[in-house]
């Protein structure tokens, strides 16, 4: 098999896994997509995908990472979450990965509640913080999906434009 074909197949795999990572919290979605796109550019000697497109793709990826972090923090902080609630949401997200879609949806919520309860908060406050944290994660995921689609569009336009 041709080395270039192997590199293109690997880049396609990275892009697909990265796209899945926009909704699966355990995978670094957009960084994987970027690496796949960079590998495709390299495999094609940067003829289809040049420096300008790669810089734009890198900027979009960095915006997605910032949006993901900031939306979760904003949701939690707005509700008055403690550091324990933030850690609980992160641990709940990772643990939820092992329980499929229900775990991915409920993990951050349950984790934030558990973390806040360790601070002695009542159930009402802990639940409010859990919901706000989950909403922040949901908004971040929607933004990441939108930016992933934008990355795919930039990549496709650069590829077919040349």
Protein backbone atom coordinates (compact mmCIF):
# COMPACT_ATOMS: atom_id res chain seq x y z
CA UNK A 1 0.00 0.00 0.00
CA UNK A 2 1.22 3.48 -0.85
CA UNK A 3 2.64 5.48 2.10
CA UNK A 4 0.65 8.55 1.10
CA UNK A 5 -2.58 6.54 1.11
CA UNK A 6 -1.77 5.20 4.60
CA UNK A 7 -1.20 8.77 5.83
CA UNK A 8 -4.47 9.94 4.29
CA UNK A 9 -6.35 7.02 5.89
CA UNK A 10 -4.75 7.78 9.27
CA UNK A 11 -5.64 11.46 8.93
CA UNK A 12 -9.25 10.55 8.05
CA UNK A 13 -9.40 8.28 11.11
CA UNK A 14 -8.08 11.07 13.34
CA UNK A 15 -10.63 13.50 11.93
CA UNK A 16 -13.53 11.07 12.47
CA UNK A 17 -12.40 10.17 16.01
CA UNK A 18 -11.93 13.88 16.71
CA UNK A 19 -15.42 14.62 15.47
CA UNK A 20 -16.75 11.99 17.88
CA UNK A 21 -14.66 13.65 20.58
CA UNK A 22 -16.71 16.83 20.29
CA UNK A 23 -19.47 15.02 22.18
CA UNK A 24 -17.44 12.41 24.06
CA UNK A 25 -15.71 14.27 26.87
CA UNK A 26 -12.85 11.79 27.28
CA UNK A 27 -11.53 12.48 23.77
CA UNK A 28 -9.75 15.72 22.80
CA UNK A 29 -12.02 16.21 19.78
CA UNK A 30 -10.87 19.32 17.99
CA UNK A 31 -7.15 18.80 18.69
CA UNK A 32 -7.48 15.30 17.14
CA UNK A 33 -9.27 16.79 14.15
CA UNK A 34 -6.53 19.39 13.76
CA UNK A 35 -3.78 16.75 13.93
CA UNK A 36 -5.64 14.72 11.30
CA UNK A 37 -5.93 17.76 9.05
CA UNK A 38 -2.28 18.66 9.58
CA UNK A 39 -1.29 15.09 8.72
CA UNK A 40 -3.38 15.25 5.52
CA UNK A 41 -1.72 18.55 4.60
CA UNK A 42 1.71 17.05 5.22
CA UNK A 43 0.88 13.88 3.28
CA UNK A 44 -0.04 16.08 0.31
CA UNK A 45 3.13 18.19 0.65
CA UNK A 46 0.97 21.15 1.70
CA UNK A 47 -0.32 21.57 -1.89
CA UNK A 48 -4.04 21.45 -1.05
CA UNK A 49 -3.84 22.65 2.52
CA UNK A 50 -1.40 25.51 2.93
CA UNK A 51 -0.09 27.59 5.81
CA UNK A 52 -3.02 30.02 5.77
CA UNK A 53 -5.61 27.27 6.09
CA UNK A 54 -3.59 25.54 8.82
CA UNK A 55 -3.29 28.75 10.83
CA UNK A 56 -7.04 29.33 10.52
CA UNK A 57 -7.73 25.73 11.59
CA UNK A 58 -5.40 26.13 14.59
CA UNK A 59 -7.16 29.35 15.63
CA UNK A 60 -10.59 27.67 15.39
CA UNK A 61 -9.29 24.74 17.47
CA UNK A 62 -7.94 27.09 20.15
CA UNK A 63 -11.24 29.00 20.23
CA UNK A 64 -13.09 25.72 20.73
CA UNK A 65 -10.83 24.72 23.62
CA UNK A 66 -11.28 28.11 25.26
CA UNK A 67 -15.06 28.03 24.76
CA UNK A 68 -15.29 24.54 26.23
CA UNK A 69 -13.44 25.52 29.38
CA UNK A 70 -15.06 28.93 29.80
CA UNK A 71 -18.67 27.79 29.32
CA UNK A 72 -18.39 25.08 31.98
CA UNK A 73 -16.68 27.43 34.41
CA UNK A 74 -19.18 30.18 33.73
CA UNK A 75 -22.16 27.91 34.32
CA UNK A 76 -20.72 26.61 37.57
CA UNK A 77 -19.43 29.94 38.86
CA UNK A 78 -22.68 31.72 38.03
CA UNK A 79 -24.49 29.27 40.29
CA UNK A 80 -21.90 29.73 43.05
CA UNK A 81 -20.16 26.37 42.72
CA UNK A 82 -17.34 25.47 45.05
CA UNK A 83 -14.04 24.02 43.87
CA UNK A 84 -15.30 20.66 45.10
CA UNK A 85 -18.29 20.94 42.76
CA UNK A 86 -15.97 21.74 39.86
CA UNK A 87 -13.81 18.71 40.64
CA UNK A 88 -16.92 16.59 41.10
CA UNK A 89 -18.21 17.61 37.67
CA UNK A 90 -14.86 16.73 36.07
CA UNK A 91 -14.71 13.34 37.82
CA UNK A 92 -18.38 12.69 37.00
CA UNK A 93 -17.69 13.45 33.35
CA UNK A 94 -14.83 10.96 33.22
CA UNK A 95 -16.73 8.30 35.17
CA UNK A 96 -19.80 8.83 32.99
CA UNK A 97 -17.81 7.83 29.93
CA UNK A 98 -17.88 4.22 31.11
CA UNK A 99 -21.69 4.21 31.31
CA UNK A 100 -22.43 5.27 27.74
CA UNK A 101 -24.76 8.09 26.79
CA UNK A 102 -26.69 8.15 30.10
CA UNK A 103 -23.38 8.42 31.95
CA UNK A 104 -22.17 11.20 29.68
CA UNK A 105 -25.35 13.16 30.28
CA UNK A 106 -25.72 12.51 34.02
CA UNK A 107 -22.05 12.22 35.08
CA UNK A 108 -21.23 15.96 35.25
CA UNK A 109 -24.54 16.73 36.94
CA UNK A 110 -24.19 14.02 39.61
CA UNK A 111 -20.49 14.79 40.09
CA UNK A 112 -21.13 18.50 40.66
CA UNK A 113 -23.89 17.72 43.16
CA UNK A 114 -21.67 15.24 45.01
CA UNK A 115 -18.81 17.72 45.10
CA UNK A 116 -21.03 20.50 46.40
CA UNK A 117 -22.54 18.20 49.03
CA UNK A 118 -19.03 17.52 50.39
CA UNK A 119 -18.91 21.25 51.12
CA UNK A 120 -22.01 20.92 53.29
CA UNK A 121 -24.44 22.58 50.88
CA UNK A 122 -28.09 21.64 51.07
CA UNK A 123 -29.69 19.55 48.32
CA UNK A 124 -31.39 22.54 46.72
CA UNK A 125 -28.15 24.51 46.29
CA UNK A 126 -26.20 21.41 45.22
CA UNK A 127 -28.87 20.57 42.62
CA UNK A 128 -28.89 24.12 41.26
CA UNK A 129 -25.11 24.00 40.92
CA UNK A 130 -25.27 20.58 39.27
CA UNK A 131 -27.78 21.84 36.73
CA UNK A 132 -25.80 25.03 36.02
CA UNK A 133 -22.61 23.03 35.54
CA UNK A 134 -24.37 20.62 33.20
CA UNK A 135 -25.87 23.51 31.22
CA UNK A 136 -22.42 25.05 30.85
CA UNK A 137 -21.06 21.75 29.55
CA UNK A 138 -24.01 21.43 27.15
CA UNK A 139 -23.50 24.94 25.77
CA UNK A 140 -19.78 24.22 25.41
CA UNK A 141 -20.54 21.03 23.49
CA UNK A 142 -22.87 22.86 21.10
CA UNK A 143 -20.17 25.47 20.48
CA UNK A 144 -17.56 22.74 19.91
CA UNK A 145 -19.82 20.98 17.40
CA UNK A 146 -20.32 24.24 15.52
CA UNK A 147 -16.59 24.94 15.46
CA UNK A 148 -15.86 21.34 14.38
CA UNK A 149 -18.21 21.81 11.41
CA UNK A 150 -16.45 25.11 10.66
CA UNK A 151 -13.09 23.30 10.73
CA UNK A 152 -14.42 20.68 8.31
CA UNK A 153 -15.72 23.42 6.01
CA UNK A 154 -12.40 25.31 6.05
CA UNK A 155 -10.53 22.07 5.38
CA UNK A 156 -12.84 21.06 2.51
CA UNK A 157 -12.76 24.51 0.92
CA UNK A 158 -8.95 24.64 1.14
CA UNK A 159 -8.67 21.11 -0.23
CA UNK A 160 -10.96 21.61 -3.22
CA UNK A 161 -10.03 25.24 -3.87
CA UNK A 162 -6.49 24.28 -4.91
